[in-house]
Amino acid sequence: RRTTSPAQWTSQVEIALERIADGRLTKVVLAQALSVE
């Protein structure tokens, strides 16, 4: 079970890219978790 869906991931990356584009951010490492039963 993923904590982050592909759609959520796309949204997170786009938020990061917006902050990079406006000069507030140069790089950020975004992560996910995978719950393995």
PDB file of all heavy atoms in Angstrom:
ATOM      1  N   ARG A   1       0.851  -1.188   0.000  1.00  0.00           N
ATOM      2  CA  ARG A   1       0.000   0.000   0.000  1.00  0.00           C
ATOM      3  C   ARG A   1       0.887   1.238   0.000  1.00  0.00           C
ATOM      4  O   ARG A   1       1.779   1.357   0.835  1.00  0.00           O
ATOM      5  CB  ARG A   1      -0.915   0.017   1.225  1.00  0.00           C
ATOM      6  CG  ARG A   1      -1.855   1.233   1.273  1.00  0.00           C
ATOM      7  CD  ARG A   1      -2.735   1.199   2.511  1.00  0.00           C
ATOM      8  NE  ARG A   1      -1.941   1.216   3.742  1.00  0.00           N
ATOM      9  CZ  ARG A   1      -1.451   2.336   4.296  1.00  0.00           C
ATOM     10  NH1 ARG A   1      -1.650   3.513   3.705  1.00  0.00           N
ATOM     11  NH2 ARG A   1      -0.750   2.273   5.412  1.00  0.00           N
ATOM     12  N   ARG A   2       0.650   2.137  -0.935  1.00  0.00           N
ATOM     13  CA  ARG A   2       1.451   3.354  -1.051  1.00  0.00           C
ATOM     14  C   ARG A   2       0.826   4.479  -0.230  1.00  0.00           C
ATOM     15  O   ARG A   2      -0.392   4.636  -0.194  1.00  0.00           O
ATOM     16  CB  ARG A   2       1.557   3.800  -2.510  1.00  0.00           C
ATOM     17  CG  ARG A   2       2.154   2.740  -3.413  1.00  0.00           C
ATOM     18  CD  ARG A   2       2.297   3.243  -4.836  1.00  0.00           C
ATOM     19  NE  ARG A   2       2.687   2.159  -5.732  1.00  0.00           N
ATOM     20  CZ  ARG A   2       3.914   1.680  -5.838  1.00  0.00           C
ATOM     21  NH1 ARG A   2       4.886   2.222  -5.121  1.00  0.00           N
ATOM     22  NH2 ARG A   2       4.190   0.683  -6.664  1.00  0.00           N
ATOM     23  N   THR A   3       1.672   5.266   0.393  1.00  0.00           N
ATOM     24  CA  THR A   3       1.176   6.446   1.109  1.00  0.00           C
ATOM     25  C   THR A   3       0.913   7.597   0.152  1.00  0.00           C
ATOM     26  O   THR A   3       0.231   8.554   0.519  1.00  0.00           O
ATOM     27  CB  THR A   3       2.197   6.910   2.149  1.00  0.00           C
ATOM     28  OG1 THR A   3       3.425   7.260   1.491  1.00  0.00           O
ATOM     29  CG2 THR A   3       2.471   5.813   3.176  1.00  0.00           C
ATOM     30  N   THR A   4       1.461   7.506  -1.053  1.00  0.00           N
ATOM     31  CA  THR A   4       1.353   8.592  -2.029  1.00  0.00           C
ATOM     32  C   THR A   4       0.885   8.018  -3.359  1.00  0.00           C
ATOM     33  O   THR A   4       1.538   7.130  -3.914  1.00  0.00           O
ATOM     34  CB  THR A   4       2.713   9.283  -2.226  1.00  0.00           C
ATOM     35  OG1 THR A   4       3.238   9.675  -0.946  1.00  0.00           O
ATOM     36  CG2 THR A   4       2.582  10.510  -3.114  1.00  0.00           C
ATOM     37  N   SER A   5      -0.220   8.511  -3.880  1.00  0.00           N
ATOM     38  CA  SER A   5      -0.705   8.065  -5.185  1.00  0.00           C
ATOM     39  C   SER A   5       0.057   8.800  -6.284  1.00  0.00           C
ATOM     40  O   SER A   5       0.667   9.858  -6.031  1.00  0.00           O
ATOM     41  CB  SER A   5      -2.197   8.351  -5.321  1.00  0.00           C
ATOM     42  OG  SER A   5      -2.419   9.747  -5.418  1.00  0.00           O
ATOM     43  N   PRO A   6       0.039   8.280  -7.528  1.00  0.00           N
ATOM     44  CA  PRO A   6       0.682   9.012  -8.623  1.00  0.00           C
ATOM     45  C   PRO A   6       0.156  10.438  -8.766  1.00  0.00           C
ATOM     46  O   PRO A   6       0.918  11.366  -9.052  1.00  0.00           O
ATOM     47  CB  PRO A   6       0.345   8.152  -9.848  1.00  0.00           C
ATOM     48  CG  PRO A   6       0.213   6.758  -9.298  1.00  0.00           C
ATOM     49  CD  PRO A   6      -0.429   6.941  -7.956  1.00  0.00           C
ATOM     50  N   ALA A   7      -1.150  10.631  -8.576  1.00  0.00           N
ATOM     51  CA  ALA A   7      -1.717  11.974  -8.693  1.00  0.00           C
ATOM     52  C   ALA A   7      -1.195  12.894  -7.582  1.00  0.00           C
ATOM     53  O   ALA A   7      -0.868  14.067  -7.823  1.00  0.00           O
ATOM     54  CB  ALA A   7      -3.238  11.905  -8.648  1.00  0.00           C
ATOM     55  N   GLN A   8      -1.122  12.360  -6.346  1.00  0.00           N
ATOM     56  CA  GLN A   8      -0.580  13.157  -5.243  1.00  0.00           C
ATOM     57  C   GLN A   8       0.882  13.504  -5.490  1.00  0.00           C
ATOM     58  O   GLN A   8       1.329  14.617  -5.225  1.00  0.00           O
ATOM     59  CB  GLN A   8      -0.729  12.396  -3.924  1.00  0.00           C
ATOM     60  CG  GLN A   8      -2.148  12.288  -3.416  1.00  0.00           C
ATOM     61  CD  GLN A   8      -2.246  11.384  -2.200  1.00  0.00           C
ATOM     62  OE1 GLN A   8      -1.630  10.308  -2.149  1.00  0.00           O
ATOM     63  NE2 GLN A   8      -3.019  11.804  -1.203  1.00  0.00           N
ATOM     64  N   TRP A   9       1.623  12.526  -6.006  1.00  0.00           N
ATOM     65  CA  TRP A   9       3.038  12.751  -6.298  1.00  0.00           C
ATOM     66  C   TRP A   9       3.200  13.865  -7.336  1.00  0.00           C
ATOM     67  O   TRP A   9       4.038  14.763  -7.166  1.00  0.00           O
ATOM     68  CB  TRP A   9       3.672  11.466  -6.791  1.00  0.00           C
ATOM     69  CG  TRP A   9       5.101  11.620  -7.253  1.00  0.00           C
ATOM     70  CD1 TRP A   9       5.548  11.646  -8.536  1.00  0.00           C
ATOM     71  CD2 TRP A   9       6.252  11.760  -6.419  1.00  0.00           C
ATOM     72  NE1 TRP A   9       6.906  11.796  -8.566  1.00  0.00           N
ATOM     73  CE2 TRP A   9       7.369  11.864  -7.281  1.00  0.00           C
ATOM     74  CE3 TRP A   9       6.451  11.809  -5.042  1.00  0.00           C
ATOM     75  CZ2 TRP A   9       8.670  12.014  -6.799  1.00  0.00           C
ATOM     76  CZ3 TRP A   9       7.744  11.958  -4.561  1.00  0.00           C
ATOM     77  CH2 TRP A   9       8.834  12.069  -5.432  1.00  0.00           C
ATOM     78  N   THR A  10       2.415  13.818  -8.388  1.00  0.00           N
ATOM     79  CA  THR A  10       2.481  14.858  -9.414  1.00  0.00           C
ATOM     80  C   THR A  10       2.203  16.224  -8.806  1.00  0.00           C
ATOM     81  O   THR A  10       2.893  17.212  -9.106  1.00  0.00           O
ATOM     82  CB  THR A  10       1.487  14.555 -10.547  1.00  0.00           C
ATOM     83  OG1 THR A  10       1.849  13.330 -11.182  1.00  0.00           O
ATOM     84  CG2 THR A  10       1.484  15.674 -11.580  1.00  0.00           C
ATOM     85  N   SER A  11       1.212  16.289  -7.934  1.00  0.00           N
ATOM     86  CA  SER A  11       0.881  17.550  -7.274  1.00  0.00           C
ATOM     87  C   SER A  11       2.033  18.040  -6.412  1.00  0.00           C
ATOM     88  O   SER A  11       2.364  19.238  -6.414  1.00  0.00           O
ATOM     89  CB  SER A  11      -0.381  17.383  -6.427  1.00  0.00           C
ATOM     90  OG  SER A  11      -0.661  18.551  -5.685  1.00  0.00           O
ATOM     91  N   GLN A  12       2.672  17.121  -5.666  1.00  0.00           N
ATOM     92  CA  GLN A  12       3.789  17.499  -4.808  1.00  0.00           C
ATOM     93  C   GLN A  12       4.956  18.038  -5.638  1.00  0.00           C
ATOM     94  O   GLN A  12       5.555  19.066  -5.296  1.00  0.00           O
ATOM     95  CB  GLN A  12       4.242  16.291  -3.992  1.00  0.00           C
ATOM     96  CG  GLN A  12       3.241  15.847  -2.938  1.00  0.00           C
ATOM     97  CD  GLN A  12       3.588  14.493  -2.348  1.00  0.00           C
ATOM     98  OE1 GLN A  12       4.685  13.982  -2.560  1.00  0.00           O
ATOM     99  NE2 GLN A  12       2.656  13.905  -1.626  1.00  0.00           N
ATOM    100  N   VAL A  13       5.279  17.343  -6.721  1.00  0.00           N
ATOM    101  CA  VAL A  13       6.380  17.789  -7.578  1.00  0.00           C
ATOM    102  C   VAL A  13       6.057  19.147  -8.192  1.00  0.00           C
ATOM    103  O   VAL A  13       6.926  20.034  -8.281  1.00  0.00           O
ATOM    104  CB  VAL A  13       6.667  16.742  -8.669  1.00  0.00           C
ATOM    105  CG1 VAL A  13       7.710  17.277  -9.670  1.00  0.00           C
ATOM    106  CG2 VAL A  13       7.177  15.441  -8.038  1.00  0.00           C
ATOM    107  N   GLU A  14       4.811  19.343  -8.598  1.00  0.00           N
ATOM    108  CA  GLU A  14       4.435  20.623  -9.198  1.00  0.00           C
ATOM    109  C   GLU A  14       4.534  21.767  -8.188  1.00  0.00           C
ATOM    110  O   GLU A  14       4.934  22.893  -8.539  1.00  0.00           O
ATOM    111  CB  GLU A  14       3.019  20.529  -9.769  1.00  0.00           C
ATOM    112  CG  GLU A  14       2.962  19.676 -11.032  1.00  0.00           C
ATOM    113  CD  GLU A  14       1.543  19.478 -11.542  1.00  0.00           C
ATOM    114  OE1 GLU A  14       0.591  19.784 -10.786  1.00  0.00           O
ATOM    115  OE2 GLU A  14       1.383  19.005 -12.687  1.00  0.00           O
ATOM    116  N   ILE A  15       4.175  21.524  -6.939  1.00  0.00           N
ATOM    117  CA  ILE A  15       4.343  22.543  -5.898  1.00  0.00           C
ATOM    118  C   ILE A  15       5.818  22.898  -5.752  1.00  0.00           C
ATOM    119  O   ILE A  15       6.188  24.078  -5.665  1.00  0.00           O
ATOM    120  CB  ILE A  15       3.761  22.052  -4.559  1.00  0.00           C
ATOM    121  CG1 ILE A  15       2.236  21.977  -4.625  1.00  0.00           C
ATOM    122  CG2 ILE A  15       4.188  22.964  -3.409  1.00  0.00           C
ATOM    123  CD1 ILE A  15       1.594  21.312  -3.423  1.00  0.00           C
ATOM    124  N   ALA A  16       6.674  21.856  -5.723  1.00  0.00           N
ATOM    125  CA  ALA A  16       8.117  22.096  -5.627  1.00  0.00           C
ATOM    126  C   ALA A  16       8.624  22.891  -6.824  1.00  0.00           C
ATOM    127  O   ALA A  16       9.427  23.832  -6.672  1.00  0.00           O
ATOM    128  CB  ALA A  16       8.854  20.774  -5.505  1.00  0.00           C
ATOM    129  N   LEU A  17       8.161  22.535  -8.013  1.00  0.00           N
ATOM    130  CA  LEU A  17       8.610  23.228  -9.228  1.00  0.00           C
ATOM    131  C   LEU A  17       8.163  24.687  -9.221  1.00  0.00           C
ATOM    132  O   LEU A  17       8.894  25.573  -9.711  1.00  0.00           O
ATOM    133  CB  LEU A  17       8.083  22.507 -10.464  1.00  0.00           C
ATOM    134  CG  LEU A  17       8.701  21.125 -10.737  1.00  0.00           C
ATOM    135  CD1 LEU A  17       7.997  20.441 -11.904  1.00  0.00           C
ATOM    136  CD2 LEU A  17      10.202  21.234 -11.001  1.00  0.00           C
ATOM    137  N   GLU A  18       6.989  24.972  -8.691  1.00  0.00           N
ATOM    138  CA  GLU A  18       6.534  26.357  -8.582  1.00  0.00           C
ATOM    139  C   GLU A  18       7.457  27.158  -7.660  1.00  0.00           C
ATOM    140  O   GLU A  18       7.801  28.313  -7.960  1.00  0.00           O
ATOM    141  CB  GLU A  18       5.101  26.401  -8.051  1.00  0.00           C
ATOM    142  CG  GLU A  18       4.049  25.910  -9.036  1.00  0.00           C
ATOM    143  CD  GLU A  18       2.674  25.822  -8.411  1.00  0.00           C
ATOM    144  OE1 GLU A  18       2.541  26.185  -7.205  1.00  0.00           O
ATOM    145  OE2 GLU A  18       1.722  25.385  -9.096  1.00  0.00           O
ATOM    146  N   ARG A  19       7.861  26.556  -6.545  1.00  0.00           N
ATOM    147  CA  ARG A  19       8.748  27.253  -5.607  1.00  0.00           C
ATOM    148  C   ARG A  19      10.144  27.421  -6.192  1.00  0.00           C
ATOM    149  O   ARG A  19      10.840  28.394  -5.877  1.00  0.00           O
ATOM    150  CB  ARG A  19       8.779  26.499  -4.279  1.00  0.00           C
ATOM    151  CG  ARG A  19       7.424  26.469  -3.596  1.00  0.00           C
ATOM    152  CD  ARG A  19       7.435  25.781  -2.244  1.00  0.00           C
ATOM    153  NE  ARG A  19       6.084  25.747  -1.692  1.00  0.00           N
ATOM    154  CZ  ARG A  19       5.770  25.327  -0.473  1.00  0.00           C
ATOM    155  NH1 ARG A  19       6.728  24.875   0.335  1.00  0.00           N
ATOM    156  NH2 ARG A  19       4.519  25.345  -0.061  1.00  0.00           N
ATOM    157  N   ILE A  20      10.552  26.464  -7.034  1.00  0.00           N
ATOM    158  CA  ILE A  20      11.828  26.608  -7.723  1.00  0.00           C
ATOM    159  C   ILE A  20      11.742  27.722  -8.760  1.00  0.00           C
ATOM    160  O   ILE A  20      12.642  28.562  -8.896  1.00  0.00           O
ATOM    161  CB  ILE A  20      12.227  25.266  -8.379  1.00  0.00           C
ATOM    162  CG1 ILE A  20      12.573  24.232  -7.294  1.00  0.00           C
ATOM    163  CG2 ILE A  20      13.429  25.460  -9.316  1.00  0.00           C
ATOM    164  CD1 ILE A  20      12.769  22.821  -7.826  1.00  0.00           C
ATOM    165  N   ALA A  21      10.632  27.769  -9.484  1.00  0.00           N
ATOM    166  CA  ALA A  21      10.465  28.772 -10.541  1.00  0.00           C
ATOM    167  C   ALA A  21      10.428  30.188  -9.983  1.00  0.00           C
ATOM    168  O   ALA A  21      10.920  31.130 -10.630  1.00  0.00           O
ATOM    169  CB  ALA A  21       9.186  28.481 -11.332  1.00  0.00           C
ATOM    170  N   ASP A  22       9.838  30.376  -8.786  1.00  0.00           N
ATOM    171  CA  ASP A  22       9.767  31.735  -8.240  1.00  0.00           C
ATOM    172  C   ASP A  22      10.996  32.109  -7.417  1.00  0.00           C
ATOM    173  O   ASP A  22      11.028  33.175  -6.782  1.00  0.00           O
ATOM    174  CB  ASP A  22       8.479  31.951  -7.438  1.00  0.00           C
ATOM    175  CG  ASP A  22       8.396  31.103  -6.174  1.00  0.00           C
ATOM    176  OD1 ASP A  22       9.442  30.637  -5.671  1.00  0.00           O
ATOM    177  OD2 ASP A  22       7.261  30.905  -5.673  1.00  0.00           O
ATOM    178  N   GLY A  23      12.004  31.212  -7.397  1.00  0.00           N
ATOM    179  CA  GLY A  23      13.283  31.547  -6.782  1.00  0.00           C
ATOM    180  C   GLY A  23      13.415  31.231  -5.312  1.00  0.00           C
ATOM    181  O   GLY A  23      14.483  31.432  -4.725  1.00  0.00           O
ATOM    182  N   ARG A  24      12.359  30.724  -4.678  1.00  0.00           N
ATOM    183  CA  ARG A  24      12.455  30.402  -3.251  1.00  0.00           C
ATOM    184  C   ARG A  24      13.268  29.136  -2.996  1.00  0.00           C
ATOM    185  O   ARG A  24      13.852  28.970  -1.930  1.00  0.00           O
ATOM    186  CB  ARG A  24      11.052  30.217  -2.662  1.00  0.00           C
ATOM    187  CG  ARG A  24      10.273  31.497  -2.462  1.00  0.00           C
ATOM    188  CD  ARG A  24       8.944  31.211  -1.789  1.00  0.00           C
ATOM    189  NE  ARG A  24       8.016  30.517  -2.672  1.00  0.00           N
ATOM    190  CZ  ARG A  24       6.929  29.882  -2.253  1.00  0.00           C
ATOM    191  NH1 ARG A  24       6.660  29.806  -0.960  1.00  0.00           N
ATOM    192  NH2 ARG A  24       6.118  29.315  -3.124  1.00  0.00           N
ATOM    193  N   LEU A  25      13.292  28.229  -3.964  1.00  0.00           N
ATOM    194  CA  LEU A  25      13.848  26.900  -3.784  1.00  0.00           C
ATOM    195  C   LEU A  25      14.738  26.563  -4.974  1.00  0.00           C
ATOM    196  O   LEU A  25      14.436  26.936  -6.108  1.00  0.00           O
ATOM    197  CB  LEU A  25      12.696  25.891  -3.668  1.00  0.00           C
ATOM    198  CG  LEU A  25      12.976  24.448  -3.264  1.00  0.00           C
ATOM    199  CD1 LEU A  25      13.545  24.394  -1.856  1.00  0.00           C
ATOM    200  CD2 LEU A  25      11.672  23.637  -3.331  1.00  0.00           C
ATOM    201  N   THR A  26      15.848  25.869  -4.698  1.00  0.00           N
ATOM    202  CA  THR A  26      16.716  25.385  -5.779  1.00  0.00           C
ATOM    203  C   THR A  26      16.543  23.889  -5.992  1.00  0.00           C
ATOM    204  O   THR A  26      16.509  23.411  -7.129  1.00  0.00           O
ATOM    205  CB  THR A  26      18.188  25.687  -5.465  1.00  0.00           C
ATOM    206  OG1 THR A  26      18.343  27.102  -5.275  1.00  0.00           O
ATOM    207  CG2 THR A  26      19.095  25.231  -6.603  1.00  0.00           C
ATOM    208  N   LYS A  27      16.425  23.146  -4.889  1.00  0.00           N
ATOM    209  CA  LYS A  27      16.246  21.692  -4.951  1.00  0.00           C
ATOM    210  C   LYS A  27      15.532  21.232  -3.696  1.00  0.00           C
ATOM    211  O   LYS A  27      15.733  21.794  -2.611  1.00  0.00           O
ATOM    212  CB  LYS A  27      17.593  20.979  -5.065  1.00  0.00           C
ATOM    213  CG  LYS A  27      17.483  19.454  -4.942  1.00  0.00           C
ATOM    214  CD  LYS A  27      18.831  18.779  -4.800  1.00  0.00           C
ATOM    215  CE  LYS A  27      18.639  17.282  -4.530  1.00  0.00           C
ATOM    216  NZ  LYS A  27      19.915  16.558  -4.405  1.00  0.00           N
ATOM    217  N   VAL A  28      14.701  20.202  -3.827  1.00  0.00           N
ATOM    218  CA  VAL A  28      14.107  19.555  -2.678  1.00  0.00           C
ATOM    219  C   VAL A  28      14.008  18.066  -2.961  1.00  0.00           C
ATOM    220  O   VAL A  28      13.765  17.657  -4.099  1.00  0.00           O
ATOM    221  CB  VAL A  28      12.709  20.136  -2.340  1.00  0.00           C
ATOM    222  CG1 VAL A  28      11.710  19.880  -3.460  1.00  0.00           C
ATOM    223  CG2 VAL A  28      12.189  19.577  -1.016  1.00  0.00           C
ATOM    224  N   VAL A  29      14.232  17.262  -1.930  1.00  0.00           N
ATOM    225  CA  VAL A  29      14.083  15.814  -2.053  1.00  0.00           C
ATOM    226  C   VAL A  29      12.723  15.437  -1.480  1.00  0.00           C
ATOM    227  O   VAL A  29      12.471  15.613  -0.281  1.00  0.00           O
ATOM    228  CB  VAL A  29      15.205  15.061  -1.322  1.00  0.00           C
ATOM    229  CG1 VAL A  29      14.985  13.550  -1.421  1.00  0.00           C
ATOM    230  CG2 VAL A  29      16.562  15.434  -1.907  1.00  0.00           C
ATOM    231  N   LEU A  30      11.857  14.931  -2.332  1.00  0.00           N
ATOM    232  CA  LEU A  30      10.540  14.456  -1.903  1.00  0.00           C
ATOM    233  C   LEU A  30      10.558  12.934  -1.823  1.00  0.00           C
ATOM    234  O   LEU A  30      11.205  12.275  -2.639  1.00  0.00           O
ATOM    235  CB  LEU A  30       9.459  14.920  -2.876  1.00  0.00           C
ATOM    236  CG  LEU A  30       9.273  16.437  -2.986  1.00  0.00           C
ATOM    237  CD1 LEU A  30       8.172  16.770  -3.970  1.00  0.00           C
ATOM    238  CD2 LEU A  30       8.979  17.058  -1.618  1.00  0.00           C
ATOM    239  N   ALA A  31       9.857  12.397  -0.853  1.00  0.00           N
ATOM    240  CA  ALA A  31       9.922  10.956  -0.592  1.00  0.00           C
ATOM    241  C   ALA A  31       8.529  10.359  -0.493  1.00  0.00           C
ATOM    242  O   ALA A  31       7.515  11.059  -0.388  1.00  0.00           O
ATOM    243  CB  ALA A  31      10.703  10.688   0.688  1.00  0.00           C
ATOM    244  N   GLN A  32       8.501   9.039  -0.528  1.00  0.00           N
ATOM    245  CA  GLN A  32       7.281   8.254  -0.401  1.00  0.00           C
ATOM    246  C   GLN A  32       7.537   7.106   0.577  1.00  0.00           C
ATOM    247  O   GLN A  32       8.682   6.766   0.876  1.00  0.00           O
ATOM    248  CB  GLN A  32       6.872   7.659  -1.746  1.00  0.00           C
ATOM    249  CG  GLN A  32       6.717   8.635  -2.884  1.00  0.00           C
ATOM    250  CD  GLN A  32       6.487   7.932  -4.204  1.00  0.00           C
ATOM    251  OE1 GLN A  32       6.101   6.759  -4.241  1.00  0.00           O
ATOM    252  NE2 GLN A  32       6.741   8.622  -5.305  1.00  0.00           N
ATOM    253  N   ALA A  33       6.453   6.502   1.052  1.00  0.00           N
ATOM    254  CA  ALA A  33       6.543   5.297   1.880  1.00  0.00           C
ATOM    255  C   ALA A  33       5.683   4.210   1.247  1.00  0.00           C
ATOM    256  O   ALA A  33       4.645   4.488   0.644  1.00  0.00           O
ATOM    257  CB  ALA A  33       6.081   5.577   3.304  1.00  0.00           C
ATOM    258  N   LEU A  34       6.144   2.981   1.376  1.00  0.00           N
ATOM    259  CA  LEU A  34       5.429   1.812   0.854  1.00  0.00           C
ATOM    260  C   LEU A  34       5.231   0.829   1.995  1.00  0.00           C
ATOM    261  O   LEU A  34       6.205   0.292   2.546  1.00  0.00           O
ATOM    262  CB  LEU A  34       6.228   1.160  -0.275  1.00  0.00           C
ATOM    263  CG  LEU A  34       5.596  -0.086  -0.924  1.00  0.00           C
ATOM    264  CD1 LEU A  34       4.380   0.318  -1.746  1.00  0.00           C
ATOM    265  CD2 LEU A  34       6.618  -0.809  -1.797  1.00  0.00           C
ATOM    266  N   SER A  35       3.977   0.596   2.374  1.00  0.00           N
ATOM    267  CA  SER A  35       3.668  -0.354   3.443  1.00  0.00           C
ATOM    268  C   SER A  35       3.523  -1.747   2.833  1.00  0.00           C
ATOM    269  O   SER A  35       2.671  -1.974   1.971  1.00  0.00           O
ATOM    270  CB  SER A  35       2.378   0.054   4.154  1.00  0.00           C
ATOM    271  OG  SER A  35       2.059  -0.877   5.165  1.00  0.00           O
ATOM    272  N   VAL A  36       4.359  -2.680   3.281  1.00  0.00           N
ATOM    273  CA  VAL A  36       4.405  -4.028   2.736  1.00  0.00           C
ATOM    274  C   VAL A  36       3.837  -4.999   3.773  1.00  0.00           C
ATOM    275  O   VAL A  36       4.441  -5.223   4.829  1.00  0.00           O
ATOM    276  CB  VAL A  36       5.843  -4.432   2.360  1.00  0.00           C
ATOM    277  CG1 VAL A  36       5.859  -5.830   1.746  1.00  0.00           C
ATOM    278  CG2 VAL A  36       6.461  -3.412   1.413  1.00  0.00           C
ATOM    279  N   GLU A  37       2.666  -5.550   3.487  1.00  0.00           N
ATOM    280  CA  GLU A  37       2.064  -6.555   4.375  1.00  0.00           C
ATOM    281  C   GLU A  37       2.690  -7.903   4.063  1.00  0.00           C
ATOM    282  O   GLU A  37       2.707  -8.345   2.914  1.00  0.00           O
ATOM    283  CB  GLU A  37       0.560  -6.609   4.168  1.00  0.00           C
ATOM    284  CG  GLU A  37      -0.156  -7.593   5.088  1.00  0.00           C
ATOM    285  CD  GLU A  37      -1.638  -7.666   4.817  1.00  0.00           C
ATOM    286  OE1 GLU A  37      -2.161  -6.745   4.158  1.00  0.00           O
ATOM    287  OE2 GLU A  37      -2.266  -8.656   5.252  1.00  0.00           O
TER     288      GLU A  37
END
